[in-house]
Amino acid sequence: MVKTKQGKRGESPTININGYYGWQNWSRFPDGVDAYEWMLGKADADINQFGNTNISAKELDKWNQRTEYGYKSFNWRDFIIQGNAPQSNFNASVSGGSERTNYYLSVTRFDQTSVFSDEFEFNRTNVQSNITTDITDKLTVGMQIKGRIENRENPGVPGGDDYWQPRFALFRNRPTERPYANDNPDYPANIKNIETN
């Protein structure tokens, strides 16, 4: 049996406010290899499987130096995982009563942003209210109201899982690949504006 919170008879109004605000971070999740380590592993795999590789020592040295354009490693973890994702919870309640009536009202707001950037958000508002009053010595009337509103925002992966797909991408995406052409994040939006002669 669940007993809901109630005010006390003959008690002056009591107001309670509490909450917290914090940040979420991944503390234990493996890092992927960099581009040089990935290319070195690919060359070893080629030699083990085929007896040779088309990755030259000169090319491996370029990946190791990381200075030449096109031979720089890309860190997908830093790109996908956003640190210090905020999370907050705040509650306000009031309770009290007279000789014949007691009441309680509470409102709670919870907001959470995922470490996968602000594309993933969860918000919830809870409301709880109850009032009881003695109409006569033998008749008591009461009313309880409980409600919750939730909102989830995520980009949606058709036929997939919004939560695990970004995690798998940390290891599925090669450190030799980059998310944008020419490292320009506006490229997909601007491609339609390119004038052709």
C-alpha atoms as a PDB file:
ATOM      1  CA  MET A   1       0.000   0.000   0.000  1.00  0.00           C
ATOM      2  CA  VAL A   2       1.451   3.357  -1.053  1.00  0.00           C
ATOM      3  CA  LYS A   3       0.820   6.191   1.365  1.00  0.00           C
ATOM      4  CA  THR A   4       0.935   9.637  -0.190  1.00  0.00           C
ATOM      5  CA  LYS A   5       2.306  12.618   1.659  1.00  0.00           C
ATOM      6  CA  GLN A   6      -0.246  14.730   3.469  1.00  0.00           C
ATOM      7  CA  GLY A   7      -0.353  17.886   5.511  1.00  0.00           C
ATOM      8  CA  LYS A   8      -1.102  17.816   9.242  1.00  0.00           C
ATOM      9  CA  ARG A   9      -4.215  19.137  10.868  1.00  0.00           C
ATOM     10  CA  GLY A  10      -3.765  22.412  12.702  1.00  0.00           C
ATOM     11  CA  GLU A  11      -0.363  23.018  11.149  1.00  0.00           C
ATOM     12  CA  SER A  12       0.567  26.357   9.666  1.00  0.00           C
ATOM     13  CA  PRO A  13       1.680  26.231   6.019  1.00  0.00           C
ATOM     14  CA  THR A  14       5.122  24.662   5.576  1.00  0.00           C
ATOM     15  CA  ILE A  15       7.068  25.307   2.374  1.00  0.00           C
ATOM     16  CA  ASN A  16       9.929  23.050   1.312  1.00  0.00           C
ATOM     17  CA  ILE A  17      12.220  23.767  -1.617  1.00  0.00           C
ATOM     18  CA  ASN A  18      15.119  21.531  -2.574  1.00  0.00           C
ATOM     19  CA  GLY A  19      17.059  20.603  -5.641  1.00  0.00           C
ATOM     20  CA  TYR A  20      20.372  19.844  -7.201  1.00  0.00           C
ATOM     21  CA  TYR A  21      22.289  20.712 -10.324  1.00  0.00           C
ATOM     22  CA  GLY A  22      25.191  18.658 -11.603  1.00  0.00           C
ATOM     23  CA  TRP A  23      27.097  17.415 -14.605  1.00  0.00           C
ATOM     24  CA  GLN A  24      27.447  13.965 -16.105  1.00  0.00           C
ATOM     25  CA  ASN A  25      30.622  12.565 -17.610  1.00  0.00           C
ATOM     26  CA  TRP A  26      31.787   9.171 -18.750  1.00  0.00           C
ATOM     27  CA  SER A  27      34.427   8.015 -16.313  1.00  0.00           C
ATOM     28  CA  ARG A  28      34.961   4.455 -17.558  1.00  0.00           C
ATOM     29  CA  PHE A  29      34.767   3.831 -21.271  1.00  0.00           C
ATOM     30  CA  PRO A  30      37.638   2.561 -23.433  1.00  0.00           C
ATOM     31  CA  ASP A  31      39.420   4.857 -25.872  1.00  0.00           C
ATOM     32  CA  GLY A  32      39.840   3.784 -29.463  1.00  0.00           C
ATOM     33  CA  VAL A  33      43.157   3.664 -31.267  1.00  0.00           C
ATOM     34  CA  ASP A  34      44.544   6.624 -33.192  1.00  0.00           C
ATOM     35  CA  ALA A  35      45.027   6.599 -36.960  1.00  0.00           C
ATOM     36  CA  TYR A  36      48.656   5.472 -36.827  1.00  0.00           C
ATOM     37  CA  GLU A  37      47.834   2.516 -34.576  1.00  0.00           C
ATOM     38  CA  TRP A  38      44.863   1.637 -36.777  1.00  0.00           C
ATOM     39  CA  MET A  39      46.919   1.737 -39.999  1.00  0.00           C
ATOM     40  CA  LEU A  40      49.735  -0.237 -38.369  1.00  0.00           C
ATOM     41  CA  GLY A  41      47.217  -2.889 -37.306  1.00  0.00           C
ATOM     42  CA  LYS A  42      45.712  -2.953 -40.808  1.00  0.00           C
ATOM     43  CA  ALA A  43      49.157  -3.451 -42.358  1.00  0.00           C
ATOM     44  CA  ASP A  44      49.869  -6.335 -39.957  1.00  0.00           C
ATOM     45  CA  ALA A  45      46.478  -7.883 -40.732  1.00  0.00           C
ATOM     46  CA  ASP A  46      47.139  -7.618 -44.492  1.00  0.00           C
ATOM     47  CA  ILE A  47      50.517  -9.317 -44.130  1.00  0.00           C
ATOM     48  CA  ASN A  48      49.068 -12.080 -41.954  1.00  0.00           C
ATOM     49  CA  GLN A  49      46.214 -12.711 -44.400  1.00  0.00           C
ATOM     50  CA  PHE A  50      47.741 -12.005 -47.822  1.00  0.00           C
ATOM     51  CA  GLY A  51      51.488 -12.073 -47.225  1.00  0.00           C
ATOM     52  CA  ASN A  52      51.910  -8.387 -48.188  1.00  0.00           C
ATOM     53  CA  THR A  53      50.317  -4.961 -47.797  1.00  0.00           C
ATOM     54  CA  ASN A  54      49.902  -1.906 -49.976  1.00  0.00           C
ATOM     55  CA  ILE A  55      50.540   0.380 -46.976  1.00  0.00           C
ATOM     56  CA  SER A  56      54.111   1.610 -47.296  1.00  0.00           C
ATOM     57  CA  ALA A  57      56.508   2.500 -44.498  1.00  0.00           C
ATOM     58  CA  LYS A  58      56.504   6.079 -45.837  1.00  0.00           C
ATOM     59  CA  GLU A  59      52.719   6.240 -45.522  1.00  0.00           C
ATOM     60  CA  LEU A  60      52.864   4.810 -41.989  1.00  0.00           C
ATOM     61  CA  ASP A  61      55.433   7.480 -41.100  1.00  0.00           C
ATOM     62  CA  LYS A  62      53.045  10.209 -42.330  1.00  0.00           C
ATOM     63  CA  TRP A  63      50.298   8.803 -40.101  1.00  0.00           C
ATOM     64  CA  ASN A  64      52.744   8.702 -37.209  1.00  0.00           C
ATOM     65  CA  GLN A  65      53.898  12.316 -37.743  1.00  0.00           C
ATOM     66  CA  ARG A  66      50.286  13.607 -37.935  1.00  0.00           C
ATOM     67  CA  THR A  67      51.389  16.859 -39.573  1.00  0.00           C
ATOM     68  CA  GLU A  68      50.496  16.422 -43.226  1.00  0.00           C
ATOM     69  CA  TYR A  69      46.945  17.202 -44.323  1.00  0.00           C
ATOM     70  CA  GLY A  70      45.038  13.988 -44.908  1.00  0.00           C
ATOM     71  CA  TYR A  71      47.226  12.082 -42.439  1.00  0.00           C
ATOM     72  CA  LYS A  72      45.823  13.428 -39.200  1.00  0.00           C
ATOM     73  CA  SER A  73      44.015  11.206 -36.745  1.00  0.00           C
ATOM     74  CA  PHE A  74      40.435  12.011 -35.833  1.00  0.00           C
ATOM     75  CA  ASN A  75      39.199  11.401 -32.283  1.00  0.00           C
ATOM     76  CA  TRP A  76      35.604  10.192 -32.597  1.00  0.00           C
ATOM     77  CA  ARG A  77      35.168  10.029 -28.832  1.00  0.00           C
ATOM     78  CA  ASP A  78      35.815  13.752 -28.466  1.00  0.00           C
ATOM     79  CA  PHE A  79      33.468  14.403 -31.386  1.00  0.00           C
ATOM     80  CA  ILE A  80      30.553  12.241 -30.177  1.00  0.00           C
ATOM     81  CA  ILE A  81      30.850  12.534 -26.390  1.00  0.00           C
ATOM     82  CA  GLN A  82      30.169  15.957 -24.942  1.00  0.00           C
ATOM     83  CA  GLY A  83      31.525  16.415 -21.445  1.00  0.00           C
ATOM     84  CA  ASN A  84      29.737  18.050 -18.523  1.00  0.00           C
ATOM     85  CA  ALA A  85      26.203  17.191 -19.642  1.00  0.00           C
ATOM     86  CA  PRO A  86      23.872  18.994 -17.213  1.00  0.00           C
ATOM     87  CA  GLN A  87      21.296  17.295 -15.035  1.00  0.00           C
ATOM     88  CA  SER A  88      18.993  18.996 -12.544  1.00  0.00           C
ATOM     89  CA  ASN A  89      16.108  18.204 -10.246  1.00  0.00           C
ATOM     90  CA  PHE A  90      14.084  20.787  -8.322  1.00  0.00           C
ATOM     91  CA  ASN A  91      11.112  20.280  -6.014  1.00  0.00           C
ATOM     92  CA  ALA A  92       8.780  22.673  -4.227  1.00  0.00           C
ATOM     93  CA  SER A  93       6.016  21.627  -1.869  1.00  0.00           C
ATOM     94  CA  VAL A  94       3.595  23.202   0.553  1.00  0.00           C
ATOM     95  CA  SER A  95       1.611  21.428   3.267  1.00  0.00           C
ATOM     96  CA  GLY A  96      -0.496  22.326   6.251  1.00  0.00           C
ATOM     97  CA  GLY A  97      -4.024  22.317   7.528  1.00  0.00           C
ATOM     98  CA  SER A  98      -6.681  23.653   9.846  1.00  0.00           C
ATOM     99  CA  GLU A  99      -8.641  21.806  12.500  1.00  0.00           C
ATOM    100  CA  ARG A 100     -10.838  20.137   9.880  1.00  0.00           C
ATOM    101  CA  THR A 101      -8.702  20.226   6.723  1.00  0.00           C
ATOM    102  CA  ASN A 102      -5.222  19.156   5.660  1.00  0.00           C
ATOM    103  CA  TYR A 103      -3.538  19.663   2.286  1.00  0.00           C
ATOM    104  CA  TYR A 104      -0.343  18.919   0.379  1.00  0.00           C
ATOM    105  CA  LEU A 105       0.900  20.179  -3.003  1.00  0.00           C
ATOM    106  CA  SER A 106       4.197  19.245  -4.676  1.00  0.00           C
ATOM    107  CA  VAL A 107       5.766  20.080  -8.041  1.00  0.00           C
ATOM    108  CA  THR A 108       9.003  18.464  -9.255  1.00  0.00           C
ATOM    109  CA  ARG A 109      10.979  19.275 -12.410  1.00  0.00           C
ATOM    110  CA  PHE A 110      13.739  17.006 -13.753  1.00  0.00           C
ATOM    111  CA  ASP A 111      15.938  17.911 -16.747  1.00  0.00           C
ATOM    112  CA  GLN A 112      18.696  15.773 -18.232  1.00  0.00           C
ATOM    113  CA  THR A 113      20.914  16.271 -21.252  1.00  0.00           C
ATOM    114  CA  SER A 114      22.816  13.286 -22.583  1.00  0.00           C
ATOM    115  CA  VAL A 115      26.585  13.133 -22.910  1.00  0.00           C
ATOM    116  CA  PHE A 116      25.845  12.607 -26.624  1.00  0.00           C
ATOM    117  CA  SER A 117      25.263  16.378 -26.950  1.00  0.00           C
ATOM    118  CA  ASP A 118      22.003  18.303 -26.778  1.00  0.00           C
ATOM    119  CA  GLU A 119      20.374  16.139 -29.460  1.00  0.00           C
ATOM    120  CA  PHE A 120      19.294  13.813 -26.641  1.00  0.00           C
ATOM    121  CA  GLU A 121      17.240  15.347 -23.836  1.00  0.00           C
ATOM    122  CA  PHE A 122      14.826  14.105 -21.214  1.00  0.00           C
ATOM    123  CA  ASN A 123      12.481  16.334 -19.196  1.00  0.00           C
ATOM    124  CA  ARG A 124       9.839  15.402 -16.664  1.00  0.00           C
ATOM    125  CA  THR A 125       7.387  17.404 -14.531  1.00  0.00           C
ATOM    126  CA  ASN A 126       5.549  15.694 -11.673  1.00  0.00           C
ATOM    127  CA  VAL A 127       2.587  17.190  -9.816  1.00  0.00           C
ATOM    128  CA  GLN A 128       1.026  15.726  -6.700  1.00  0.00           C
ATOM    129  CA  SER A 129      -1.793  17.260  -4.717  1.00  0.00           C
ATOM    130  CA  ASN A 130      -4.212  16.061  -2.080  1.00  0.00           C
ATOM    131  CA  ILE A 131      -6.693  17.654   0.266  1.00  0.00           C
ATOM    132  CA  THR A 132      -8.891  16.105   2.939  1.00  0.00           C
ATOM    133  CA  THR A 133     -11.603  17.881   4.886  1.00  0.00           C
ATOM    134  CA  ASP A 134     -14.167  16.850   7.468  1.00  0.00           C
ATOM    135  CA  ILE A 135     -17.601  17.965   6.317  1.00  0.00           C
ATOM    136  CA  THR A 136     -19.149  16.636   9.527  1.00  0.00           C
ATOM    137  CA  ASP A 137     -17.896  14.482  12.388  1.00  0.00           C
ATOM    138  CA  LYS A 138     -18.882  11.392  10.387  1.00  0.00           C
ATOM    139  CA  LEU A 139     -18.241  12.533   6.796  1.00  0.00           C
ATOM    140  CA  THR A 140     -14.765  13.148   5.379  1.00  0.00           C
ATOM    141  CA  VAL A 141     -14.164  14.139   1.757  1.00  0.00           C
ATOM    142  CA  GLY A 142     -10.820  14.027   0.027  1.00  0.00           C
ATOM    143  CA  MET A 143      -9.298  14.492  -3.396  1.00  0.00           C
ATOM    144  CA  GLN A 144      -5.960  13.409  -4.847  1.00  0.00           C
ATOM    145  CA  ILE A 145      -4.375  14.546  -8.096  1.00  0.00           C
ATOM    146  CA  LYS A 146      -1.228  13.061  -9.561  1.00  0.00           C
ATOM    147  CA  GLY A 147       0.229  13.837 -12.936  1.00  0.00           C
ATOM    148  CA  ARG A 148       3.390  13.528 -14.962  1.00  0.00           C
ATOM    149  CA  ILE A 149       4.495  15.063 -18.234  1.00  0.00           C
ATOM    150  CA  GLU A 150       7.563  13.643 -19.978  1.00  0.00           C
ATOM    151  CA  ASN A 151       9.392  14.807 -23.050  1.00  0.00           C
ATOM    152  CA  ARG A 152      12.159  12.888 -24.826  1.00  0.00           C
ATOM    153  CA  GLU A 153      14.122  14.367 -27.672  1.00  0.00           C
ATOM    154  CA  ASN A 154      16.514  12.362 -29.784  1.00  0.00           C
ATOM    155  CA  PRO A 155      17.418  12.369 -33.466  1.00  0.00           C
ATOM    156  CA  GLY A 156      15.923   8.954 -34.144  1.00  0.00           C
ATOM    157  CA  VAL A 157      17.738   6.155 -35.943  1.00  0.00           C
ATOM    158  CA  PRO A 158      15.316   4.306 -38.245  1.00  0.00           C
ATOM    159  CA  GLY A 159      15.437   0.611 -37.434  1.00  0.00           C
ATOM    160  CA  GLY A 160      18.111   1.211 -34.817  1.00  0.00           C
ATOM    161  CA  ASP A 161      18.744   2.152 -31.234  1.00  0.00           C
ATOM    162  CA  ASP A 162      19.270   5.837 -30.428  1.00  0.00           C
ATOM    163  CA  TYR A 163      21.201   5.077 -27.254  1.00  0.00           C
ATOM    164  CA  TRP A 164      23.673   2.387 -28.309  1.00  0.00           C
ATOM    165  CA  GLN A 165      24.365   3.444 -31.894  1.00  0.00           C
ATOM    166  CA  PRO A 166      26.461   6.479 -30.878  1.00  0.00           C
ATOM    167  CA  ARG A 167      28.475   4.267 -28.523  1.00  0.00           C
ATOM    168  CA  PHE A 168      29.154   1.716 -31.249  1.00  0.00           C
ATOM    169  CA  ALA A 169      30.152   4.532 -33.593  1.00  0.00           C
ATOM    170  CA  LEU A 170      33.147   5.237 -31.349  1.00  0.00           C
ATOM    171  CA  PHE A 171      34.650   1.948 -32.510  1.00  0.00           C
ATOM    172  CA  ARG A 172      32.925   1.504 -35.868  1.00  0.00           C
ATOM    173  CA  ASN A 173      34.211   4.793 -37.290  1.00  0.00           C
ATOM    174  CA  ARG A 174      37.852   4.668 -38.321  1.00  0.00           C
ATOM    175  CA  PRO A 175      40.248   7.273 -36.911  1.00  0.00           C
ATOM    176  CA  THR A 176      41.427   7.804 -40.503  1.00  0.00           C
ATOM    177  CA  GLU A 177      37.960   9.083 -41.458  1.00  0.00           C
ATOM    178  CA  ARG A 178      36.425  12.446 -40.699  1.00  0.00           C
ATOM    179  CA  PRO A 179      32.783  13.458 -40.279  1.00  0.00           C
ATOM    180  CA  TYR A 180      32.825  16.422 -42.687  1.00  0.00           C
ATOM    181  CA  ALA A 181      34.306  16.993 -46.104  1.00  0.00           C
ATOM    182  CA  ASN A 182      37.376  19.228 -45.768  1.00  0.00           C
ATOM    183  CA  ASP A 183      36.635  19.395 -42.002  1.00  0.00           C
ATOM    184  CA  ASN A 184      33.879  21.903 -42.724  1.00  0.00           C
ATOM    185  CA  PRO A 185      30.810  21.197 -40.546  1.00  0.00           C
ATOM    186  CA  ASP A 186      28.712  23.527 -42.748  1.00  0.00           C
ATOM    187  CA  TYR A 187      29.542  21.631 -45.933  1.00  0.00           C
ATOM    188  CA  PRO A 188      26.322  19.539 -46.064  1.00  0.00           C
ATOM    189  CA  ALA A 189      24.226  22.710 -45.599  1.00  0.00           C
ATOM    190  CA  ASN A 190      26.218  24.849 -48.008  1.00  0.00           C
ATOM    191  CA  ILE A 191      26.539  22.380 -50.878  1.00  0.00           C
ATOM    192  CA  LYS A 192      23.244  23.600 -52.402  1.00  0.00           C
ATOM    193  CA  ASN A 193      24.567  27.177 -52.413  1.00  0.00           C
ATOM    194  CA  ILE A 194      27.573  26.377 -54.595  1.00  0.00           C
ATOM    195  CA  GLU A 195      27.173  28.143 -57.899  1.00  0.00           C
ATOM    196  CA  THR A 196      28.068  26.192 -61.013  1.00  0.00           C
ATOM    197  CA  ASN A 197      29.516  27.898 -64.063  1.00  0.00           C
END
